[in-house]
Amino acid sequence: METADPRVHRFAWISIAAALITIVLKFTAWWITDSVGLLSDALESFVNLVGAIAALPASFAGWIVVEVDVPEAPTNLESTRISAAWIEEHLGADAFTANQGALSASGSNPR
């Protein structure tokens, strides 16, 4: 169900973060205690994660993040172009298709 209310999107991300933190804590507790009950509870927590992801709007296409630890390019623009070329080479040219409108609107199209 698509909604125009931006709070739904924000709360979905809060729920995803909470589910991931809960999963990490429960798996850590299982690892420390070797309790089958904690393992079962940790695995069950994935249901909450799936539910939180399902709450994202249908129009959400995802993000692509490229981290440049040691930029070798002389400018930020050239670094962006190198990152875009890497994405196209490894993920395909259509990796930008879903977010092309957002990139063009912000004036930061990396191509």
N, C-alpha and C. Protein backbone atom coordinates (compact mmCIF):
# COMPACT_ATOMS: atom_id res chain seq x y z
N MET A 1 0.85 -1.18 0.00
CA MET A 1 0.00 0.00 0.00
C MET A 1 0.89 1.24 0.00
N GLU A 2 0.74 2.08 -1.02
CA GLU A 2 1.53 3.30 -1.14
C GLU A 2 0.88 4.41 -0.32
N THR A 3 1.69 5.17 0.37
CA THR A 3 1.18 6.27 1.17
C THR A 3 2.04 7.50 0.95
N ALA A 4 1.44 8.67 1.03
CA ALA A 4 2.17 9.91 0.83
C ALA A 4 2.76 10.43 2.13
N ASP A 5 2.40 9.82 3.24
CA ASP A 5 2.84 10.28 4.55
C ASP A 5 4.32 9.92 4.76
N PRO A 6 5.21 10.91 4.85
CA PRO A 6 6.64 10.61 5.02
C PRO A 6 6.96 9.96 6.36
N ARG A 7 6.07 10.07 7.33
CA ARG A 7 6.33 9.44 8.63
C ARG A 7 6.37 7.93 8.52
N VAL A 8 5.58 7.37 7.60
CA VAL A 8 5.57 5.92 7.43
C VAL A 8 6.94 5.45 6.98
N HIS A 9 7.53 6.16 6.05
CA HIS A 9 8.86 5.81 5.56
C HIS A 9 9.88 5.89 6.69
N ARG A 10 9.83 6.96 7.46
CA ARG A 10 10.77 7.14 8.58
C ARG A 10 10.59 6.04 9.63
N PHE A 11 9.35 5.72 9.99
CA PHE A 11 9.11 4.69 10.99
C PHE A 11 9.50 3.31 10.48
N ALA A 12 9.37 3.08 9.18
CA ALA A 12 9.81 1.81 8.61
C ALA A 12 11.31 1.65 8.80
N TRP A 13 12.07 2.72 8.57
CA TRP A 13 13.52 2.65 8.76
C TRP A 13 13.89 2.48 10.22
N ILE A 14 13.14 3.13 11.11
CA ILE A 14 13.39 2.94 12.55
C ILE A 14 13.13 1.48 12.93
N SER A 15 12.07 0.90 12.38
CA SER A 15 11.75 -0.50 12.66
C SER A 15 12.81 -1.44 12.12
N ILE A 16 13.34 -1.13 10.94
CA ILE A 16 14.40 -1.95 10.37
C ILE A 16 15.64 -1.89 11.25
N ALA A 17 16.01 -0.69 11.68
CA ALA A 17 17.18 -0.54 12.56
C ALA A 17 16.97 -1.30 13.86
N ALA A 18 15.80 -1.18 14.45
CA ALA A 18 15.51 -1.88 15.71
C ALA A 18 15.56 -3.40 15.52
N ALA A 19 15.03 -3.88 14.40
CA ALA A 19 15.06 -5.32 14.13
C ALA A 19 16.49 -5.82 13.97
N LEU A 20 17.32 -5.06 13.26
CA LEU A 20 18.71 -5.47 13.07
C LEU A 20 19.48 -5.47 14.39
N ILE A 21 19.26 -4.45 15.21
CA ILE A 21 19.93 -4.40 16.52
C ILE A 21 19.48 -5.57 17.38
N THR A 22 18.19 -5.86 17.37
CA THR A 22 17.66 -6.98 18.14
C THR A 22 18.26 -8.30 17.69
N ILE A 23 18.36 -8.48 16.38
CA ILE A 23 18.94 -9.72 15.85
C ILE A 23 20.39 -9.87 16.31
N VAL A 24 21.16 -8.80 16.21
CA VAL A 24 22.57 -8.85 16.64
C VAL A 24 22.67 -9.17 18.12
N LEU A 25 21.85 -8.51 18.94
CA LEU A 25 21.90 -8.77 20.39
C LEU A 25 21.51 -10.20 20.72
N LYS A 26 20.47 -10.71 20.07
CA LYS A 26 20.02 -12.07 20.37
C LYS A 26 21.03 -13.11 19.90
N PHE A 27 21.63 -12.90 18.73
CA PHE A 27 22.66 -13.84 18.27
C PHE A 27 23.89 -13.78 19.17
N THR A 28 24.22 -12.59 19.65
CA THR A 28 25.35 -12.45 20.58
C THR A 28 25.05 -13.21 21.89
N ALA A 29 23.84 -13.04 22.38
CA ALA A 29 23.45 -13.76 23.61
C ALA A 29 23.49 -15.27 23.40
N TRP A 30 23.02 -15.73 22.22
CA TRP A 30 23.06 -17.16 21.93
C TRP A 30 24.50 -17.64 21.87
N TRP A 31 25.38 -16.86 21.22
CA TRP A 31 26.77 -17.25 21.07
C TRP A 31 27.47 -17.37 22.43
N ILE A 32 27.13 -16.44 23.33
CA ILE A 32 27.74 -16.45 24.67
C ILE A 32 27.21 -17.60 25.51
N THR A 33 25.90 -17.84 25.45
CA THR A 33 25.27 -18.83 26.33
C THR A 33 25.08 -20.20 25.71
N ASP A 34 25.14 -20.29 24.38
CA ASP A 34 24.89 -21.54 23.66
C ASP A 34 23.48 -22.09 23.96
N SER A 35 22.53 -21.18 24.18
CA SER A 35 21.16 -21.57 24.50
C SER A 35 20.35 -21.74 23.21
N VAL A 36 19.74 -22.90 23.05
CA VAL A 36 18.91 -23.16 21.87
C VAL A 36 17.69 -22.24 21.87
N GLY A 37 17.19 -21.91 23.04
CA GLY A 37 16.04 -21.00 23.15
C GLY A 37 16.38 -19.61 22.61
N LEU A 38 17.57 -19.12 22.93
CA LEU A 38 18.00 -17.82 22.41
C LEU A 38 18.23 -17.88 20.91
N LEU A 39 18.76 -19.00 20.42
CA LEU A 39 18.94 -19.15 18.98
C LEU A 39 17.60 -19.12 18.27
N SER A 40 16.64 -19.83 18.81
CA SER A 40 15.30 -19.84 18.23
C SER A 40 14.70 -18.44 18.23
N ASP A 41 14.86 -17.72 19.31
CA ASP A 41 14.34 -16.36 19.42
C ASP A 41 15.04 -15.43 18.42
N ALA A 42 16.35 -15.62 18.25
CA ALA A 42 17.10 -14.80 17.30
C ALA A 42 16.63 -15.06 15.87
N LEU A 43 16.43 -16.31 15.53
CA LEU A 43 15.94 -16.64 14.19
C LEU A 43 14.53 -16.11 13.96
N GLU A 44 13.71 -16.16 15.00
CA GLU A 44 12.34 -15.64 14.90
C GLU A 44 12.34 -14.12 14.66
N SER A 45 13.37 -13.45 15.10
CA SER A 45 13.45 -12.00 14.93
C SER A 45 13.52 -11.58 13.46
N PHE A 46 13.91 -12.50 12.59
CA PHE A 46 13.93 -12.17 11.17
C PHE A 46 12.53 -11.89 10.64
N VAL A 47 11.52 -12.43 11.28
CA VAL A 47 10.13 -12.14 10.89
C VAL A 47 9.85 -10.64 11.08
N ASN A 48 10.34 -10.07 12.18
CA ASN A 48 10.17 -8.63 12.41
C ASN A 48 10.90 -7.82 11.35
N LEU A 49 12.07 -8.27 10.96
CA LEU A 49 12.84 -7.57 9.94
C LEU A 49 12.10 -7.59 8.60
N VAL A 50 11.58 -8.73 8.23
CA VAL A 50 10.82 -8.83 6.98
C VAL A 50 9.59 -7.93 7.02
N GLY A 51 8.92 -7.89 8.15
CA GLY A 51 7.75 -7.02 8.29
C GLY A 51 8.11 -5.55 8.17
N ALA A 52 9.24 -5.17 8.76
CA ALA A 52 9.67 -3.77 8.67
C ALA A 52 10.05 -3.40 7.24
N ILE A 53 10.72 -4.31 6.55
CA ILE A 53 11.09 -4.05 5.15
C ILE A 53 9.83 -3.95 4.29
N ALA A 54 8.85 -4.79 4.57
CA ALA A 54 7.60 -4.75 3.81
C ALA A 54 6.84 -3.45 4.01
N ALA A 55 7.12 -2.75 5.11
CA ALA A 55 6.43 -1.48 5.38
C ALA A 55 6.98 -0.32 4.54
N LEU A 56 8.13 -0.53 3.89
CA LEU A 56 8.65 0.53 3.03
C LEU A 56 7.71 0.76 1.85
N PRO A 57 7.59 1.98 1.38
CA PRO A 57 6.72 2.25 0.24
C PRO A 57 7.15 1.47 -1.00
N ALA A 58 6.21 1.11 -1.83
CA ALA A 58 6.50 0.34 -3.04
C ALA A 58 7.43 1.10 -3.98
N SER A 59 7.44 2.41 -3.89
CA SER A 59 8.27 3.21 -4.79
C SER A 59 9.74 3.22 -4.37
N PHE A 60 10.06 2.68 -3.19
CA PHE A 60 11.45 2.67 -2.73
C PHE A 60 12.23 1.64 -3.54
N ALA A 61 13.25 2.10 -4.25
CA ALA A 61 14.02 1.22 -5.12
C ALA A 61 15.36 0.83 -4.50
N GLY A 62 15.71 1.39 -3.38
CA GLY A 62 16.97 1.07 -2.74
C GLY A 62 18.03 2.11 -3.02
N TRP A 63 19.16 1.93 -2.39
CA TRP A 63 20.27 2.86 -2.53
C TRP A 63 21.51 2.10 -2.97
N ILE A 64 22.39 2.82 -3.62
CA ILE A 64 23.70 2.30 -3.92
C ILE A 64 24.69 3.23 -3.24
N VAL A 65 25.56 2.66 -2.42
CA VAL A 65 26.55 3.46 -1.71
C VAL A 65 27.93 2.96 -2.12
N VAL A 66 28.77 3.88 -2.57
CA VAL A 66 30.15 3.55 -2.91
C VAL A 66 31.03 4.33 -1.97
N GLU A 67 31.82 3.62 -1.18
CA GLU A 67 32.71 4.28 -0.24
C GLU A 67 34.10 4.36 -0.85
N VAL A 68 34.66 5.54 -0.85
CA VAL A 68 36.01 5.76 -1.37
C VAL A 68 36.90 6.07 -0.17
N ASP A 69 37.67 5.07 0.25
CA ASP A 69 38.52 5.25 1.44
C ASP A 69 39.70 6.18 1.17
N VAL A 70 40.34 5.99 0.04
CA VAL A 70 41.49 6.82 -0.31
C VAL A 70 41.26 7.34 -1.73
N PRO A 71 40.66 8.51 -1.84
CA PRO A 71 40.37 9.00 -3.20
C PRO A 71 41.67 9.33 -3.95
N GLU A 72 41.74 8.81 -5.16
CA GLU A 72 42.92 9.06 -5.98
C GLU A 72 42.64 10.11 -7.04
N ALA A 73 41.41 10.57 -7.11
CA ALA A 73 41.04 11.55 -8.12
C ALA A 73 41.36 12.96 -7.62
N PRO A 74 41.69 13.85 -8.54
CA PRO A 74 42.04 15.21 -8.13
C PRO A 74 40.86 16.04 -7.63
N THR A 75 39.63 15.68 -8.05
CA THR A 75 38.45 16.45 -7.63
C THR A 75 37.35 15.49 -7.18
N ASN A 76 36.37 16.04 -6.46
CA ASN A 76 35.21 15.24 -6.04
C ASN A 76 34.41 14.77 -7.24
N LEU A 77 34.28 15.61 -8.25
CA LEU A 77 33.53 15.23 -9.45
C LEU A 77 34.18 14.05 -10.15
N GLU A 78 35.49 14.08 -10.28
CA GLU A 78 36.20 12.97 -10.91
C GLU A 78 36.07 11.70 -10.07
N SER A 79 36.11 11.83 -8.75
CA SER A 79 35.90 10.69 -7.86
C SER A 79 34.51 10.10 -8.06
N THR A 80 33.51 10.97 -8.23
CA THR A 80 32.14 10.51 -8.48
C THR A 80 32.06 9.77 -9.80
N ARG A 81 32.73 10.28 -10.81
CA ARG A 81 32.72 9.61 -12.13
C ARG A 81 33.39 8.23 -12.05
N ILE A 82 34.48 8.14 -11.30
CA ILE A 82 35.16 6.85 -11.13
C ILE A 82 34.23 5.86 -10.39
N SER A 83 33.54 6.35 -9.36
CA SER A 83 32.61 5.50 -8.62
C SER A 83 31.47 5.03 -9.52
N ALA A 84 30.94 5.94 -10.34
CA ALA A 84 29.85 5.57 -11.25
C ALA A 84 30.31 4.52 -12.27
N ALA A 85 31.53 4.68 -12.75
CA ALA A 85 32.07 3.70 -13.70
C ALA A 85 32.22 2.34 -13.03
N TRP A 86 32.65 2.32 -11.76
CA TRP A 86 32.78 1.06 -11.04
C TRP A 86 31.41 0.39 -10.88
N ILE A 87 30.39 1.18 -10.53
CA ILE A 87 29.05 0.62 -10.36
C ILE A 87 28.56 0.03 -11.68
N GLU A 88 28.72 0.77 -12.77
CA GLU A 88 28.27 0.27 -14.07
C GLU A 88 29.01 -1.01 -14.46
N GLU A 89 30.30 -1.07 -14.17
CA GLU A 89 31.09 -2.25 -14.53
C GLU A 89 30.68 -3.47 -13.71
N HIS A 90 30.42 -3.27 -12.41
CA HIS A 90 30.15 -4.41 -11.53
C HIS A 90 28.66 -4.72 -11.34
N LEU A 91 27.81 -3.71 -11.47
CA LEU A 91 26.38 -3.92 -11.23
C LEU A 91 25.53 -3.74 -12.50
N GLY A 92 26.14 -3.26 -13.55
CA GLY A 92 25.41 -3.05 -14.80
C GLY A 92 24.95 -1.62 -14.95
N ALA A 93 24.77 -1.23 -16.19
CA ALA A 93 24.38 0.15 -16.49
C ALA A 93 23.00 0.49 -15.96
N ASP A 94 22.15 -0.51 -15.77
CA ASP A 94 20.80 -0.23 -15.28
C ASP A 94 20.76 0.01 -13.78
N ALA A 95 21.88 -0.03 -13.09
CA ALA A 95 21.91 0.22 -11.64
C ALA A 95 21.46 1.63 -11.30
N PHE A 96 21.62 2.56 -12.25
CA PHE A 96 21.22 3.95 -12.01
C PHE A 96 19.78 4.23 -12.42
N THR A 97 19.15 3.33 -13.13
CA THR A 97 17.84 3.59 -13.71
C THR A 97 16.80 4.00 -12.68
N ALA A 98 16.72 3.28 -11.56
CA ALA A 98 15.68 3.55 -10.57
C ALA A 98 15.83 4.91 -9.93
N ASN A 99 17.06 5.39 -9.80
CA ASN A 99 17.29 6.66 -9.11
C ASN A 99 17.68 7.79 -10.06
N GLN A 100 17.55 7.58 -11.36
CA GLN A 100 17.97 8.58 -12.32
C GLN A 100 17.25 9.91 -12.11
N GLY A 101 15.96 9.86 -11.82
CA GLY A 101 15.20 11.10 -11.61
C GLY A 101 15.72 11.88 -10.42
N ALA A 102 16.05 11.19 -9.34
CA ALA A 102 16.56 11.87 -8.15
C ALA A 102 17.93 12.48 -8.42
N LEU A 103 18.77 11.76 -9.16
CA LEU A 103 20.09 12.28 -9.47
C LEU A 103 19.99 13.52 -10.36
N SER A 104 19.12 13.46 -11.35
CA SER A 104 18.97 14.59 -12.27
C SER A 104 18.39 15.80 -11.55
N ALA A 105 17.43 15.56 -10.67
CA ALA A 105 16.79 16.67 -9.94
C ALA A 105 17.78 17.36 -9.02
N SER A 106 18.73 16.60 -8.46
CA SER A 106 19.68 17.21 -7.54
C SER A 106 20.85 17.85 -8.27
N GLY A 107 20.95 17.59 -9.58
CA GLY A 107 22.04 18.16 -10.36
C GLY A 107 23.35 17.45 -10.15
N SER A 108 23.31 16.25 -9.56
CA SER A 108 24.56 15.53 -9.28
C SER A 108 24.63 14.22 -10.04
N ASN A 109 24.22 14.23 -11.29
CA ASN A 109 24.28 13.03 -12.11
C ASN A 109 25.73 12.65 -12.33
N PRO A 110 26.17 11.45 -11.90
CA PRO A 110 27.58 11.09 -11.96
C PRO A 110 28.07 10.73 -13.34
N ARG A 111 27.23 10.69 -14.34
CA ARG A 111 27.68 10.32 -15.69
C ARG A 111 28.24 11.48 -16.43
